[in-house]
Protein backbone atom coordinates (compact mmCIF):
# COMPACT_ATOMS: atom_id res chain seq x y z
CA MET A 1 -113.67 21.92 -64.17
CA SER A 2 -112.81 18.32 -63.42
CA ALA A 3 -113.52 18.89 -59.73
CA GLY A 4 -116.97 20.14 -60.61
CA ILE A 5 -117.65 17.12 -62.80
CA GLU A 6 -116.50 14.80 -60.02
CA THR A 7 -118.78 16.56 -57.51
CA SER A 8 -121.69 16.27 -59.89
CA ASN A 9 -121.03 12.60 -60.50
CA SER A 10 -120.75 11.84 -56.79
CA ALA A 11 -124.02 13.72 -56.07
CA SER A 12 -125.77 11.82 -58.86
CA LEU A 13 -124.41 8.54 -57.51
CA GLN A 14 -125.62 9.35 -53.99
CA LEU A 15 -129.03 10.35 -55.34
CA SER A 16 -129.30 7.09 -57.26
CA ARG A 17 -128.35 5.20 -54.10
CA ASP A 18 -131.05 7.01 -52.12
CA ARG A 19 -133.61 6.26 -54.81
CA GLY A 20 -132.58 2.60 -54.83
CA ARG A 21 -133.30 2.14 -51.12
CA PRO A 22 -136.70 3.76 -50.48
CA TRP A 23 -137.76 0.82 -48.29
CA LEU A 24 -135.28 1.96 -45.62
CA ARG A 25 -137.17 5.23 -45.20
CA TYR A 26 -140.49 3.45 -45.08
CA VAL A 27 -139.21 0.98 -42.47
CA ALA A 28 -137.92 3.89 -40.31
CA LEU A 29 -141.20 5.83 -40.66
CA ILE A 30 -143.29 2.74 -39.81
CA ALA A 31 -141.12 2.07 -36.73
CA VAL A 32 -141.38 5.65 -35.48
CA ALA A 33 -145.14 5.70 -36.13
CA PHE A 34 -145.60 2.48 -34.22
CA VAL A 35 -143.69 3.81 -31.22
CA MET A 36 -145.74 7.02 -31.22
CA LEU A 37 -149.08 5.23 -31.68
CA TYR A 38 -148.43 2.39 -29.30
CA PRO A 39 -149.92 4.18 -26.23
CA LEU A 40 -153.14 4.72 -28.20
CA LEU A 41 -153.16 1.11 -29.38
CA TRP A 42 -152.65 -0.03 -25.82
CA LEU A 43 -155.49 2.18 -24.62
CA ILE A 44 -157.85 0.65 -27.17
CA GLY A 45 -156.71 -2.88 -26.41
CA ALA A 46 -156.92 -2.31 -22.61
CA SER A 47 -160.59 -1.35 -22.96
CA PHE A 48 -161.35 -4.99 -23.74
CA LYS A 49 -159.27 -6.43 -20.90
CA SER A 50 -160.08 -7.22 -17.26
CA ASN A 51 -158.45 -5.36 -14.35
CA SER A 52 -155.97 -8.15 -13.69
CA GLU A 53 -154.98 -8.40 -17.33
CA ILE A 54 -154.46 -4.63 -17.64
CA PHE A 55 -151.83 -4.65 -14.91
CA SER A 56 -150.20 -7.98 -15.81
CA SER A 57 -149.51 -7.45 -19.51
CA ALA A 58 -147.84 -4.62 -21.47
CA GLY A 59 -149.16 -5.92 -24.75
CA PHE A 60 -152.09 -4.22 -26.40
CA TRP A 61 -153.81 -7.33 -27.79
CA PRO A 62 -156.36 -8.71 -25.25
CA GLU A 63 -156.86 -12.40 -24.56
CA ARG A 64 -160.46 -12.03 -25.58
CA PHE A 65 -162.63 -9.15 -26.74
CA ASP A 66 -165.13 -8.23 -24.00
CA PHE A 67 -167.46 -5.30 -24.83
CA ALA A 68 -169.01 -5.30 -21.38
CA SER A 69 -166.68 -2.55 -20.19
CA TYR A 70 -168.14 -0.14 -22.75
CA ALA A 71 -171.70 -0.83 -21.59
CA LYS A 72 -170.76 -0.53 -17.89
CA GLY A 73 -168.69 2.58 -18.48
CA TRP A 74 -171.45 4.25 -20.43
CA LYS A 75 -173.97 3.71 -17.61
CA THR A 76 -171.67 5.30 -14.95
CA SER A 77 -172.24 5.02 -11.20
CA THR A 78 -174.67 7.98 -11.14
CA GLU A 79 -178.29 8.37 -12.31
CA TYR A 80 -177.01 9.80 -15.59
CA THR A 81 -175.38 8.07 -18.52
CA PHE A 82 -172.45 9.44 -20.46
CA ALA A 83 -174.90 10.66 -23.10
CA THR A 84 -175.82 13.45 -20.67
CA TYR A 85 -172.14 14.32 -20.12
CA PHE A 86 -171.38 14.33 -23.82
CA LEU A 87 -174.38 16.63 -24.41
CA ASN A 88 -173.07 18.94 -21.69
CA SER A 89 -169.65 19.06 -23.33
CA PHE A 90 -171.21 20.02 -26.68
CA LEU A 91 -173.37 22.69 -24.94
CA ILE A 92 -170.09 24.26 -23.79
CA THR A 93 -167.92 23.59 -26.82
CA ILE A 94 -170.16 24.62 -29.70
CA PRO A 95 -171.18 28.11 -28.35
CA ARG A 96 -167.61 28.69 -27.29
CA ILE A 97 -166.35 27.91 -30.79
CA ILE A 98 -168.87 30.29 -32.35
CA VAL A 99 -168.07 33.24 -30.15
CA THR A 100 -164.33 32.55 -30.42
CA VAL A 101 -164.36 32.58 -34.22
CA ILE A 102 -166.44 35.78 -34.41
CA SER A 103 -164.45 37.75 -31.77
CA CYS A 104 -161.01 36.59 -32.90
CA VAL A 105 -161.67 37.24 -36.60
CA LEU A 106 -162.88 40.80 -35.80
CA VAL A 107 -159.91 41.58 -33.55
CA ALA A 108 -157.36 40.09 -35.96
CA TYR A 109 -158.91 42.00 -38.88
CA ALA A 110 -158.57 45.24 -36.94
CA PHE A 111 -154.88 44.56 -36.06
CA ALA A 112 -153.95 43.40 -39.55
CA ARG A 113 -155.82 45.93 -41.74
CA PHE A 114 -156.38 49.16 -39.81
CA GLU A 115 -154.02 51.85 -38.45
CA PHE A 116 -155.05 53.40 -35.17
CA TRP A 117 -153.42 55.05 -32.18
CA GLY A 118 -151.68 52.63 -29.79
CA LYS A 119 -151.94 49.67 -32.20
CA LYS A 120 -148.41 48.39 -31.66
CA PHE A 121 -148.65 48.86 -27.90
CA MET A 122 -152.01 47.02 -27.66
CA PHE A 123 -150.73 44.25 -29.89
CA SER A 124 -147.66 43.86 -27.63
CA ILE A 125 -149.89 43.74 -24.55
CA MET A 126 -152.00 41.06 -26.21
CA ILE A 127 -148.89 38.97 -27.04
CA ALA A 128 -147.69 39.41 -23.45
CA THR A 129 -150.90 37.94 -22.08
CA MET A 130 -150.06 34.70 -23.91
CA MET A 131 -147.20 34.29 -21.49
CA LEU A 132 -149.47 34.45 -18.42
CA PRO A 133 -150.21 31.02 -16.90
CA LEU A 134 -153.97 30.48 -16.69
CA ILE A 135 -153.78 29.64 -12.99
CA VAL A 136 -152.86 33.27 -12.29
CA LEU A 137 -156.26 34.35 -13.70
CA ARG A 138 -158.42 31.74 -12.02
CA LEU A 139 -158.94 33.48 -8.70
CA PRO A 140 -159.86 36.97 -9.97
CA GLN A 141 -162.12 35.42 -12.64
CA TYR A 142 -163.80 33.22 -10.03
CA LEU A 143 -164.48 36.25 -7.77
CA VAL A 144 -165.93 38.25 -10.68
CA PHE A 145 -168.20 35.40 -11.81
CA ARG A 146 -169.34 34.80 -8.22
CA GLU A 147 -170.32 38.43 -7.79
CA ILE A 148 -172.45 38.46 -10.95
CA GLY A 149 -174.06 35.08 -10.12
CA TRP A 150 -172.64 32.96 -12.86
CA LEU A 151 -171.33 30.10 -10.78
CA ASP A 152 -172.71 26.62 -11.53
CA SER A 153 -173.47 27.61 -15.13
CA TYR A 154 -171.73 27.40 -18.44
CA LEU A 155 -171.41 31.16 -18.83
CA PRO A 156 -167.96 31.48 -17.25
CA LEU A 157 -166.70 28.87 -19.69
CA ILE A 158 -168.18 30.56 -22.81
CA ILE A 159 -168.56 34.33 -22.33
CA PRO A 160 -164.83 35.23 -21.89
CA SER A 161 -164.13 33.83 -25.37
CA ALA A 162 -166.61 36.32 -26.81
CA PHE A 163 -164.08 39.07 -25.97
CA ALA A 164 -161.16 37.48 -27.91
CA THR A 165 -159.42 36.33 -24.74
CA ASP A 166 -157.97 33.39 -26.66
CA THR A 167 -155.02 35.48 -27.84
CA PHE A 168 -153.21 32.62 -29.49
CA PHE A 169 -156.01 32.49 -32.04
CA VAL A 170 -155.87 36.24 -32.64
CA PHE A 171 -152.16 36.05 -33.19
CA MET A 172 -152.54 33.13 -35.59
CA LEU A 173 -155.22 34.92 -37.61
CA VAL A 174 -153.17 38.13 -37.76
CA GLN A 175 -150.18 36.24 -39.11
CA PHE A 176 -152.40 34.60 -41.73
CA LEU A 177 -153.96 37.93 -42.75
CA ARG A 178 -150.54 39.58 -43.12
CA GLY A 179 -149.69 37.01 -45.82
CA ILE A 180 -152.84 37.75 -47.88
CA PRO A 181 -152.38 40.35 -50.67
CA ARG A 182 -154.67 43.36 -50.57
CA ASP A 183 -155.47 43.50 -54.26
CA MET A 184 -158.95 42.04 -53.95
CA GLU A 185 -159.78 44.28 -51.02
CA GLU A 186 -158.70 47.40 -52.87
CA ALA A 187 -160.82 46.41 -55.85
CA ALA A 188 -163.81 45.84 -53.57
CA GLN A 189 -163.28 49.24 -51.95
CA ILE A 190 -163.35 50.86 -55.36
CA ASP A 191 -166.69 49.09 -55.95
CA GLY A 192 -168.02 50.69 -52.73
CA CYS A 193 -167.64 47.97 -50.10
CA ASN A 194 -167.29 49.09 -46.52
CA ALA A 195 -165.11 47.45 -43.90
CA LEU A 196 -167.68 44.83 -42.75
CA GLN A 197 -168.56 43.95 -46.33
CA LEU A 198 -164.87 43.48 -47.10
CA LEU A 199 -164.52 41.23 -44.07
CA TRP A 200 -167.51 39.06 -44.90
CA HIS A 201 -167.19 38.76 -48.65
CA ILE A 202 -163.39 38.96 -49.13
CA ILE A 203 -161.48 38.23 -45.96
CA VAL A 204 -163.50 35.38 -44.38
CA PRO A 205 -163.43 33.19 -47.50
CA MET A 206 -159.66 33.57 -47.73
CA LEU A 207 -159.38 32.97 -43.96
CA LYS A 208 -161.14 29.62 -44.23
CA PRO A 209 -158.11 27.42 -43.51
CA ALA A 210 -157.10 29.53 -40.47
CA ILE A 211 -160.70 29.62 -39.14
CA ILE A 212 -160.90 25.84 -39.42
CA SER A 213 -157.64 25.62 -37.47
CA VAL A 214 -159.24 27.79 -34.76
CA ILE A 215 -162.29 25.52 -34.69
CA VAL A 216 -160.23 22.37 -34.37
CA PHE A 217 -157.93 23.76 -31.65
CA GLN A 218 -160.80 25.18 -29.67
CA PHE A 219 -162.89 21.99 -29.97
CA ILE A 220 -160.11 19.78 -28.70
CA TRP A 221 -159.02 22.14 -25.94
CA THR A 222 -162.57 22.70 -24.64
CA MET A 223 -163.48 19.02 -24.79
CA ASN A 224 -160.29 18.25 -22.78
CA ASP A 225 -160.70 21.15 -20.33
CA PHE A 226 -160.82 19.90 -16.78
CA MET A 227 -159.89 22.77 -14.51
CA GLY A 228 -162.50 25.26 -15.74
CA PRO A 229 -165.57 23.03 -15.25
CA LEU A 230 -164.10 21.79 -11.99
CA ILE A 231 -163.97 25.34 -10.62
CA TYR A 232 -167.27 26.73 -11.90
CA LEU A 233 -169.65 23.75 -11.98
CA ALA A 234 -171.13 22.16 -8.84
CA SER A 235 -174.12 20.20 -10.17
CA VAL A 236 -173.40 16.67 -11.39
CA GLU A 237 -176.04 16.89 -14.11
CA LYS A 238 -174.06 19.80 -15.66
CA TYR A 239 -170.69 18.02 -15.73
CA PRO A 240 -168.89 17.62 -19.09
CA VAL A 241 -167.11 14.42 -20.06
CA SER A 242 -163.80 15.43 -18.52
CA LEU A 243 -165.29 15.75 -15.01
CA ALA A 244 -167.46 12.62 -15.48
CA LEU A 245 -164.38 10.59 -16.25
CA LYS A 246 -162.67 11.74 -13.05
CA MET A 247 -165.87 11.08 -11.10
CA SER A 248 -166.00 7.54 -12.43
CA ILE A 249 -162.43 6.92 -11.26
CA GLY A 250 -163.15 8.11 -7.71
CA ALA A 251 -166.64 6.70 -7.34
CA THR A 252 -165.61 3.43 -5.64
CA GLU A 253 -162.67 2.14 -3.68
CA GLU A 254 -161.84 -0.48 -6.35
CA VAL A 255 -161.69 1.25 -9.72
CA GLU A 256 -162.88 -0.76 -12.71
CA TRP A 257 -160.12 0.47 -14.98
CA ALA A 258 -161.44 -1.31 -18.05
CA ASN A 259 -164.69 0.74 -17.79
CA VAL A 260 -162.80 3.99 -17.36
CA ILE A 261 -160.44 3.22 -20.28
CA ALA A 262 -163.38 2.15 -22.49
CA ILE A 263 -165.23 5.41 -21.92
CA SER A 264 -161.94 7.32 -22.44
CA VAL A 265 -161.64 5.74 -25.86
CA VAL A 266 -165.24 6.82 -26.60
CA ALA A 267 -164.39 10.35 -25.36
CA LEU A 268 -161.56 10.56 -27.88
CA ILE A 269 -163.78 9.82 -30.83
CA PRO A 270 -165.30 13.33 -31.31
CA SER A 271 -161.90 15.04 -31.28
CA VAL A 272 -160.40 12.50 -33.68
CA LEU A 273 -163.41 12.81 -36.08
CA VAL A 274 -163.19 16.61 -36.05
CA PHE A 275 -159.46 16.57 -36.69
CA PHE A 276 -159.64 14.15 -39.60
CA ALA A 277 -162.69 15.85 -41.10
CA ALA A 278 -160.82 19.17 -41.17
CA GLN A 279 -157.29 17.74 -41.62
CA LYS A 280 -156.56 19.29 -45.03
CA HIS A 281 -157.64 22.82 -44.10
CA PHE A 282 -156.28 22.49 -40.57
CA ILE A 283 -152.73 21.69 -41.75
CA GLU A 284 -152.86 24.35 -44.43
CA GLY A 285 -154.01 26.99 -41.93
CA ALA A 286 -151.50 26.02 -39.23
CA THR A 287 -148.53 26.03 -41.59
CA SER A 288 -149.54 29.21 -43.40
CA SER A 289 -150.07 31.17 -40.21
CA GLY A 290 -146.72 30.00 -38.94
CA VAL A 291 -144.51 31.00 -41.84
CA LYS A 292 -146.20 34.19 -43.08
CA GLY A 293 -146.12 37.65 -41.62
């Protein structure tokens, strides 16, 4: 009995000590956050520096703020500005997000709610395809798209996603669906709802956090995709931002790194805005799909 009391007293003492020093935790968190964010801070600061200052100083604070690099970087060395390349990126990203959400929700709904022959085997095959490196699929996909005349267009970058080829999203949605009770679905079935009505009126609203996670992931991944557009696009006027950035680096013998860094900062803005706009639902969807099922 006395041992239990001593243990309780020592635990209470330790807890009071922890409560008495919350500043230590804040100091540690601030220090770790600064270390993690320093590359981004340096990137922003370097966009205002000259070439010589970029390579001579590791600090992120420039000697003076010069916005000329943003204007020069936006104009590019071609006849097109980065407005064209951003528009091209959105012409790829937005349709791809739409077809990804529709196809992945349908496939995940089938795996999570229906029983059919070969379901476990097909689900296992789908999970196995997640282990395949994308480079293995590049050559056969290129040959197929060349035969049907889709090269130098956005179709090879969009159409495959219409067939739920982004298996990570299917898996994530299935895990989320397995954690949702079926009570409301059963009640809707009694009222006469069919499978599609159940999906639209019951499942999709409850899937909102997971769907937003899919949108955020697909937006960031597509905006950052370099290899796909490099393989399938040949016309400069169709380039997305990722290829335009590489083109601006190799356009001249002496690279104006301040211009490249400035436009890289601008290229980060859409992804950052999308993430913070959907932060609440994104975190809820990612955590729920990871622990349920």
